Amino acid sequence: MILTLKFKDAEGDLGLSATDINPPFNPYTYIRDQAGNLIVYSRRPAQAPTFNPIDWVINPIVNNQVVRDTVWVDPNENQYNIFVRFFIKRNGRYTEFVWENPPFFTTFNGRFPRVLTTEEGQPVEGFITYRMLSSGWESIFRNDSLKIDVRIQDRALNKSNEVSSPDVTLRQITRN
C-alpha cells in the first residue's frame, strides 16, 4: 500500500535520519526494577506481558553493551515520524484495526528521511510517499471498506493534523 501526503512545514525540520536514535527518537525505554536492574524475561514480574516482539527485545545493546537476554521495553512513539491508523467498515460502522494487538504485534508507523539536509530553519513543502508492505492485506481486509488516518511529526515533536483517506476497498486501489 502506498500513501502520498502533501505537506508544508514552516521550519523545515521534517524527517529523521538513520542516526537519529538518541532521545527523543530512541526506540525504547528499558524497564527496570526498583534496584535499577533491567527486567529480563526469565525474572519477569507478574504484571509483565507475555513474550511478544513489541514489549520484549532480544539481546539489545544497552549503554554500549550487548545484553544477552530478553529485556522488557516500553516502545517510544517518538522513534517514528509518520503514524498510520487503519479502520475497517463493517455494518456501516468503522472500528480501528490495531496492528499492535495479538496476533500481529506490529505497526505500520514508520520513519521518512529528512526533507532538508541542513539544520537551517526554512519553509519547505512537497510530497511524502510512504510504502507499507504486507502479505496479509487481502486475508484481513478482504472486500471490506477501509480508511486510513495519517499524521506526521517534525523533529521538534510537533504533530500535524490527521488526514483521512476516502473509503476504499483493496480491489479499488490494487494495481493489476
C-alpha atoms as a PDB file:
ATOM      1  CA  MET A   1       0.000   0.000   0.000  1.00  0.00           C
ATOM      2  CA  ILE A   2       1.406   3.394  -0.942  1.00  0.00           C
ATOM      3  CA  LEU A   3       0.389   6.683   0.677  1.00  0.00           C
ATOM      4  CA  THR A   4       1.281  10.091  -0.716  1.00  0.00           C
ATOM      5  CA  LEU A   5       0.975  13.078   1.597  1.00  0.00           C
ATOM      6  CA  LYS A   6       1.195  16.747   0.658  1.00  0.00           C
ATOM      7  CA  PHE A   7       2.923  18.808   3.347  1.00  0.00           C
ATOM      8  CA  LYS A   8       4.008  22.326   4.291  1.00  0.00           C
ATOM      9  CA  ASP A   9       6.395  22.977   7.147  1.00  0.00           C
ATOM     10  CA  ALA A  10       7.489  26.441   8.290  1.00  0.00           C
ATOM     11  CA  GLU A  11      10.737  25.305   9.937  1.00  0.00           C
ATOM     12  CA  GLY A  12      11.832  22.569   7.531  1.00  0.00           C
ATOM     13  CA  ASP A  13      12.539  20.125  10.341  1.00  0.00           C
ATOM     14  CA  LEU A  14      10.686  17.180   8.862  1.00  0.00           C
ATOM     15  CA  GLY A  15      12.205  13.739   8.631  1.00  0.00           C
ATOM     16  CA  LEU A  16      14.620  11.583  10.612  1.00  0.00           C
ATOM     17  CA  SER A  17      17.985  10.226   9.575  1.00  0.00           C
ATOM     18  CA  ALA A  18      19.262   6.745  10.390  1.00  0.00           C
ATOM     19  CA  THR A  19      21.460   8.319  13.080  1.00  0.00           C
ATOM     20  CA  ASP A  20      18.511   9.964  14.868  1.00  0.00           C
ATOM     21  CA  ILE A  21      18.379   7.251  17.543  1.00  0.00           C
ATOM     22  CA  ASN A  22      19.119   9.194  20.717  1.00  0.00           C
ATOM     23  CA  PRO A  23      16.371  10.761  22.874  1.00  0.00           C
ATOM     24  CA  PRO A  24      13.797  11.812  21.985  1.00  0.00           C
ATOM     25  CA  PHE A  25      13.978   9.450  18.972  1.00  0.00           C
ATOM     26  CA  ASN A  26      15.273   6.356  20.805  1.00  0.00           C
ATOM     27  CA  PRO A  27      13.246   3.234  20.042  1.00  0.00           C
ATOM     28  CA  TYR A  28      12.704   2.081  23.638  1.00  0.00           C
ATOM     29  CA  THR A  29      12.901   2.810  27.290  1.00  0.00           C
ATOM     30  CA  TYR A  30      14.214  -0.213  29.143  1.00  0.00           C
ATOM     31  CA  ILE A  31      12.026  -1.251  32.081  1.00  0.00           C
ATOM     32  CA  ARG A  32      13.962  -1.611  35.321  1.00  0.00           C
ATOM     33  CA  ASP A  33      13.178  -2.971  38.766  1.00  0.00           C
ATOM     34  CA  GLN A  34      13.372  -0.915  41.991  1.00  0.00           C
ATOM     35  CA  ALA A  35      17.099  -1.627  42.249  1.00  0.00           C
ATOM     36  CA  GLY A  36      17.669  -0.259  38.738  1.00  0.00           C
ATOM     37  CA  ASN A  37      18.305  -3.642  37.090  1.00  0.00           C
ATOM     38  CA  LEU A  38      16.912  -4.459  33.675  1.00  0.00           C
ATOM     39  CA  ILE A  39      13.881  -6.734  33.841  1.00  0.00           C
ATOM     40  CA  VAL A  40      14.569  -9.873  31.837  1.00  0.00           C
ATOM     41  CA  TYR A  41      12.035 -12.419  30.686  1.00  0.00           C
ATOM     42  CA  SER A  42      13.234 -15.223  32.971  1.00  0.00           C
ATOM     43  CA  ARG A  43      12.709 -12.967  36.019  1.00  0.00           C
ATOM     44  CA  ARG A  44       9.678 -11.021  34.864  1.00  0.00           C
ATOM     45  CA  PRO A  45       7.154  -9.826  37.448  1.00  0.00           C
ATOM     46  CA  ALA A  46       3.533 -10.969  37.360  1.00  0.00           C
ATOM     47  CA  GLN A  47       2.348  -7.719  35.724  1.00  0.00           C
ATOM     48  CA  ALA A  48       4.779  -8.086  32.799  1.00  0.00           C
ATOM     49  CA  PRO A  49       3.298  -9.077  29.432  1.00  0.00           C
ATOM     50  CA  THR A  50       3.942 -12.473  27.919  1.00  0.00           C
ATOM     51  CA  PHE A  51       6.571 -12.559  25.203  1.00  0.00           C
ATOM     52  CA  ASN A  52       5.826 -10.520  22.104  1.00  0.00           C
ATOM     53  CA  PRO A  53       8.102  -8.516  19.796  1.00  0.00           C
ATOM     54  CA  ILE A  54       6.725  -5.145  20.904  1.00  0.00           C
ATOM     55  CA  ASP A  55       7.263  -5.429  24.673  1.00  0.00           C
ATOM     56  CA  TRP A  56      10.419  -7.583  24.681  1.00  0.00           C
ATOM     57  CA  VAL A  57      13.744  -7.166  22.881  1.00  0.00           C
ATOM     58  CA  ILE A  58      16.239  -9.989  22.457  1.00  0.00           C
ATOM     59  CA  ASN A  59      19.938  -9.219  23.007  1.00  0.00           C
ATOM     60  CA  PRO A  60      19.645  -5.409  22.958  1.00  0.00           C
ATOM     61  CA  ILE A  61      22.575  -3.037  23.197  1.00  0.00           C
ATOM     62  CA  VAL A  62      22.196  -1.036  26.415  1.00  0.00           C
ATOM     63  CA  ASN A  63      24.855   1.560  27.313  1.00  0.00           C
ATOM     64  CA  ASN A  64      27.087   0.187  24.524  1.00  0.00           C
ATOM     65  CA  GLN A  65      26.928  -3.347  25.965  1.00  0.00           C
ATOM     66  CA  VAL A  66      25.098  -6.295  24.434  1.00  0.00           C
ATOM     67  CA  VAL A  67      22.681  -7.747  26.992  1.00  0.00           C
ATOM     68  CA  ARG A  68      22.452 -11.446  26.165  1.00  0.00           C
ATOM     69  CA  ASP A  69      18.903 -11.870  27.358  1.00  0.00           C
ATOM     70  CA  THR A  70      15.328 -10.883  26.545  1.00  0.00           C
ATOM     71  CA  VAL A  71      14.631  -7.464  28.066  1.00  0.00           C
ATOM     72  CA  TRP A  72      11.297  -5.775  28.819  1.00  0.00           C
ATOM     73  CA  VAL A  73      10.909  -2.455  26.999  1.00  0.00           C
ATOM     74  CA  ASP A  74       8.456   0.378  26.653  1.00  0.00           C
ATOM     75  CA  PRO A  75       8.356   1.386  22.960  1.00  0.00           C
ATOM     76  CA  ASN A  76       8.871   5.102  22.311  1.00  0.00           C
ATOM     77  CA  GLU A  77       6.325   6.527  19.868  1.00  0.00           C
ATOM     78  CA  ASN A  78       8.752   9.336  19.006  1.00  0.00           C
ATOM     79  CA  GLN A  79      11.055   6.886  17.226  1.00  0.00           C
ATOM     80  CA  TYR A  80       8.590   7.328  14.350  1.00  0.00           C
ATOM     81  CA  ASN A  81       7.600  10.405  12.379  1.00  0.00           C
ATOM     82  CA  ILE A  82       4.669   9.030  10.398  1.00  0.00           C
ATOM     83  CA  PHE A  83       1.701   7.487  12.185  1.00  0.00           C
ATOM     84  CA  VAL A  84      -0.832   5.327  10.377  1.00  0.00           C
ATOM     85  CA  ARG A  85      -4.143   4.028  11.709  1.00  0.00           C
ATOM     86  CA  PHE A  86      -6.398   1.593   9.860  1.00  0.00           C
ATOM     87  CA  PHE A  87     -10.187   1.402  10.136  1.00  0.00           C
ATOM     88  CA  ILE A  88     -12.487  -1.327   8.823  1.00  0.00           C
ATOM     89  CA  LYS A  89     -16.083  -0.504   7.931  1.00  0.00           C
ATOM     90  CA  ARG A  90     -18.494  -3.289   8.814  1.00  0.00           C
ATOM     91  CA  ASN A  91     -22.249  -2.904   9.125  1.00  0.00           C
ATOM     92  CA  GLY A  92     -21.884   0.812   8.403  1.00  0.00           C
ATOM     93  CA  ARG A  93     -19.518   1.462  11.347  1.00  0.00           C
ATOM     94  CA  TYR A  94     -15.776   1.960  11.427  1.00  0.00           C
ATOM     95  CA  THR A  95     -13.664   0.191  14.012  1.00  0.00           C
ATOM     96  CA  GLU A  96      -9.934   0.624  14.323  1.00  0.00           C
ATOM     97  CA  PHE A  97      -7.791  -2.312  13.324  1.00  0.00           C
ATOM     98  CA  VAL A  98      -4.938  -2.196  15.837  1.00  0.00           C
ATOM     99  CA  TRP A  99      -1.869  -3.898  14.367  1.00  0.00           C
ATOM    100  CA  GLU A 100      -0.048  -3.792  17.706  1.00  0.00           C
ATOM    101  CA  ASN A 101      -2.551  -6.213  19.261  1.00  0.00           C
ATOM    102  CA  PRO A 102      -2.303 -10.018  19.070  1.00  0.00           C
ATOM    103  CA  PRO A 103      -1.719 -11.908  16.900  1.00  0.00           C
ATOM    104  CA  PHE A 104       0.157  -9.370  14.739  1.00  0.00           C
ATOM    105  CA  PHE A 105       2.272  -7.405  17.255  1.00  0.00           C
ATOM    106  CA  THR A 106       3.459  -4.983  14.590  1.00  0.00           C
ATOM    107  CA  THR A 107       2.936  -1.425  13.421  1.00  0.00           C
ATOM    108  CA  PHE A 108       2.801   0.492  10.191  1.00  0.00           C
ATOM    109  CA  ASN A 109       4.081   3.613  11.887  1.00  0.00           C
ATOM    110  CA  GLY A 110       7.460   4.439  10.452  1.00  0.00           C
ATOM    111  CA  ARG A 111      10.136   6.927   9.567  1.00  0.00           C
ATOM    112  CA  PHE A 112      10.667   9.009   6.465  1.00  0.00           C
ATOM    113  CA  PRO A 113      14.060  10.623   5.759  1.00  0.00           C
ATOM    114  CA  ARG A 114      14.965  14.226   6.404  1.00  0.00           C
ATOM    115  CA  VAL A 115      13.406  16.548   3.855  1.00  0.00           C
ATOM    116  CA  LEU A 116      16.276  19.072   4.097  1.00  0.00           C
ATOM    117  CA  THR A 117      19.900  18.157   4.624  1.00  0.00           C
ATOM    118  CA  THR A 118      20.760  21.307   6.586  1.00  0.00           C
ATOM    119  CA  GLU A 119      19.701  22.320  10.078  1.00  0.00           C
ATOM    120  CA  GLU A 120      18.782  25.829   8.933  1.00  0.00           C
ATOM    121  CA  GLY A 121      15.135  26.583   9.543  1.00  0.00           C
ATOM    122  CA  GLN A 122      13.416  27.387   6.294  1.00  0.00           C
ATOM    123  CA  PRO A 123       9.940  26.767   4.951  1.00  0.00           C
ATOM    124  CA  VAL A 124       9.507  23.668   2.858  1.00  0.00           C
ATOM    125  CA  GLU A 125       6.633  21.982   1.060  1.00  0.00           C
ATOM    126  CA  GLY A 126       6.234  18.933  -1.080  1.00  0.00           C
ATOM    127  CA  PHE A 127       5.062  15.343  -1.072  1.00  0.00           C
ATOM    128  CA  ILE A 128       5.996  12.350   1.049  1.00  0.00           C
ATOM    129  CA  THR A 129       5.470   8.893  -0.440  1.00  0.00           C
ATOM    130  CA  TYR A 130       5.245   6.159   2.172  1.00  0.00           C
ATOM    131  CA  ARG A 131       5.119   2.467   1.250  1.00  0.00           C
ATOM    132  CA  MET A 132       3.689  -0.212   3.529  1.00  0.00           C
ATOM    133  CA  LEU A 133       4.281  -3.838   2.605  1.00  0.00           C
ATOM    134  CA  SER A 134       2.261  -6.784   3.875  1.00  0.00           C
ATOM    135  CA  SER A 135       1.310 -10.171   2.531  1.00  0.00           C
ATOM    136  CA  GLY A 136      -1.762 -10.116   4.774  1.00  0.00           C
ATOM    137  CA  TRP A 137      -3.804  -7.255   3.344  1.00  0.00           C
ATOM    138  CA  GLU A 138      -6.283  -9.474   1.480  1.00  0.00           C
ATOM    139  CA  SER A 139      -6.763 -12.028   4.248  1.00  0.00           C
ATOM    140  CA  ILE A 140      -7.503  -9.299   6.790  1.00  0.00           C
ATOM    141  CA  PHE A 141      -9.455  -6.699   4.826  1.00  0.00           C
ATOM    142  CA  ARG A 142     -10.984  -8.918   2.089  1.00  0.00           C
ATOM    143  CA  ASN A 143     -13.785  -6.903   0.424  1.00  0.00           C
ATOM    144  CA  ASP A 144     -14.369  -4.629   3.419  1.00  0.00           C
ATOM    145  CA  SER A 145     -14.270  -0.881   3.069  1.00  0.00           C
ATOM    146  CA  LEU A 146     -11.390   0.654   4.895  1.00  0.00           C
ATOM    147  CA  LYS A 147      -9.937   4.057   5.533  1.00  0.00           C
ATOM    148  CA  ILE A 148      -6.580   5.176   6.773  1.00  0.00           C
ATOM    149  CA  ASP A 149      -5.776   8.096   9.058  1.00  0.00           C
ATOM    150  CA  VAL A 150      -2.265   9.539   8.865  1.00  0.00           C
ATOM    151  CA  ARG A 151      -0.310  12.240  10.657  1.00  0.00           C
ATOM    152  CA  ILE A 152       3.338  13.218  10.633  1.00  0.00           C
ATOM    153  CA  GLN A 153       5.641  14.693  13.260  1.00  0.00           C
ATOM    154  CA  ASP A 154       8.635  17.012  12.971  1.00  0.00           C
ATOM    155  CA  ARG A 155      11.887  16.790  14.919  1.00  0.00           C
ATOM    156  CA  ALA A 156      10.554  19.283  17.485  1.00  0.00           C
ATOM    157  CA  LEU A 157       7.811  16.639  18.107  1.00  0.00           C
ATOM    158  CA  ASN A 158       5.053  18.861  16.707  1.00  0.00           C
ATOM    159  CA  LYS A 159       2.298  16.687  15.268  1.00  0.00           C
ATOM    160  CA  SER A 160       0.434  17.566  12.094  1.00  0.00           C
ATOM    161  CA  ASN A 161      -3.284  17.488  11.639  1.00  0.00           C
ATOM    162  CA  GLU A 162      -4.568  13.991  10.968  1.00  0.00           C
ATOM    163  CA  VAL A 163      -5.777  13.372   7.420  1.00  0.00           C
ATOM    164  CA  SER A 164      -8.093  10.564   6.348  1.00  0.00           C
ATOM    165  CA  SER A 165      -8.320   8.633   3.140  1.00  0.00           C
ATOM    166  CA  PRO A 166     -11.695   8.197   1.474  1.00  0.00           C
ATOM    167  CA  ASP A 167     -13.467   4.857   1.884  1.00  0.00           C
ATOM    168  CA  VAL A 168     -11.712   2.306  -0.327  1.00  0.00           C
ATOM    169  CA  THR A 169     -11.571  -1.415  -0.876  1.00  0.00           C
ATOM    170  CA  LEU A 170      -8.381  -3.241  -1.729  1.00  0.00           C
ATOM    171  CA  ARG A 171      -9.797  -4.040  -5.142  1.00  0.00           C
ATOM    172  CA  GLN A 172     -10.181  -0.304  -5.852  1.00  0.00           C
ATOM    173  CA  ILE A 173      -6.566   0.513  -5.009  1.00  0.00           C
ATOM    174  CA  THR A 174      -4.737  -2.628  -6.165  1.00  0.00           C
ATOM    175  CA  ARG A 175      -2.600  -2.429  -9.289  1.00  0.00           C
ATOM    176  CA  ASN A 176      -3.092  -5.258 -11.764  1.00  0.00           C
END
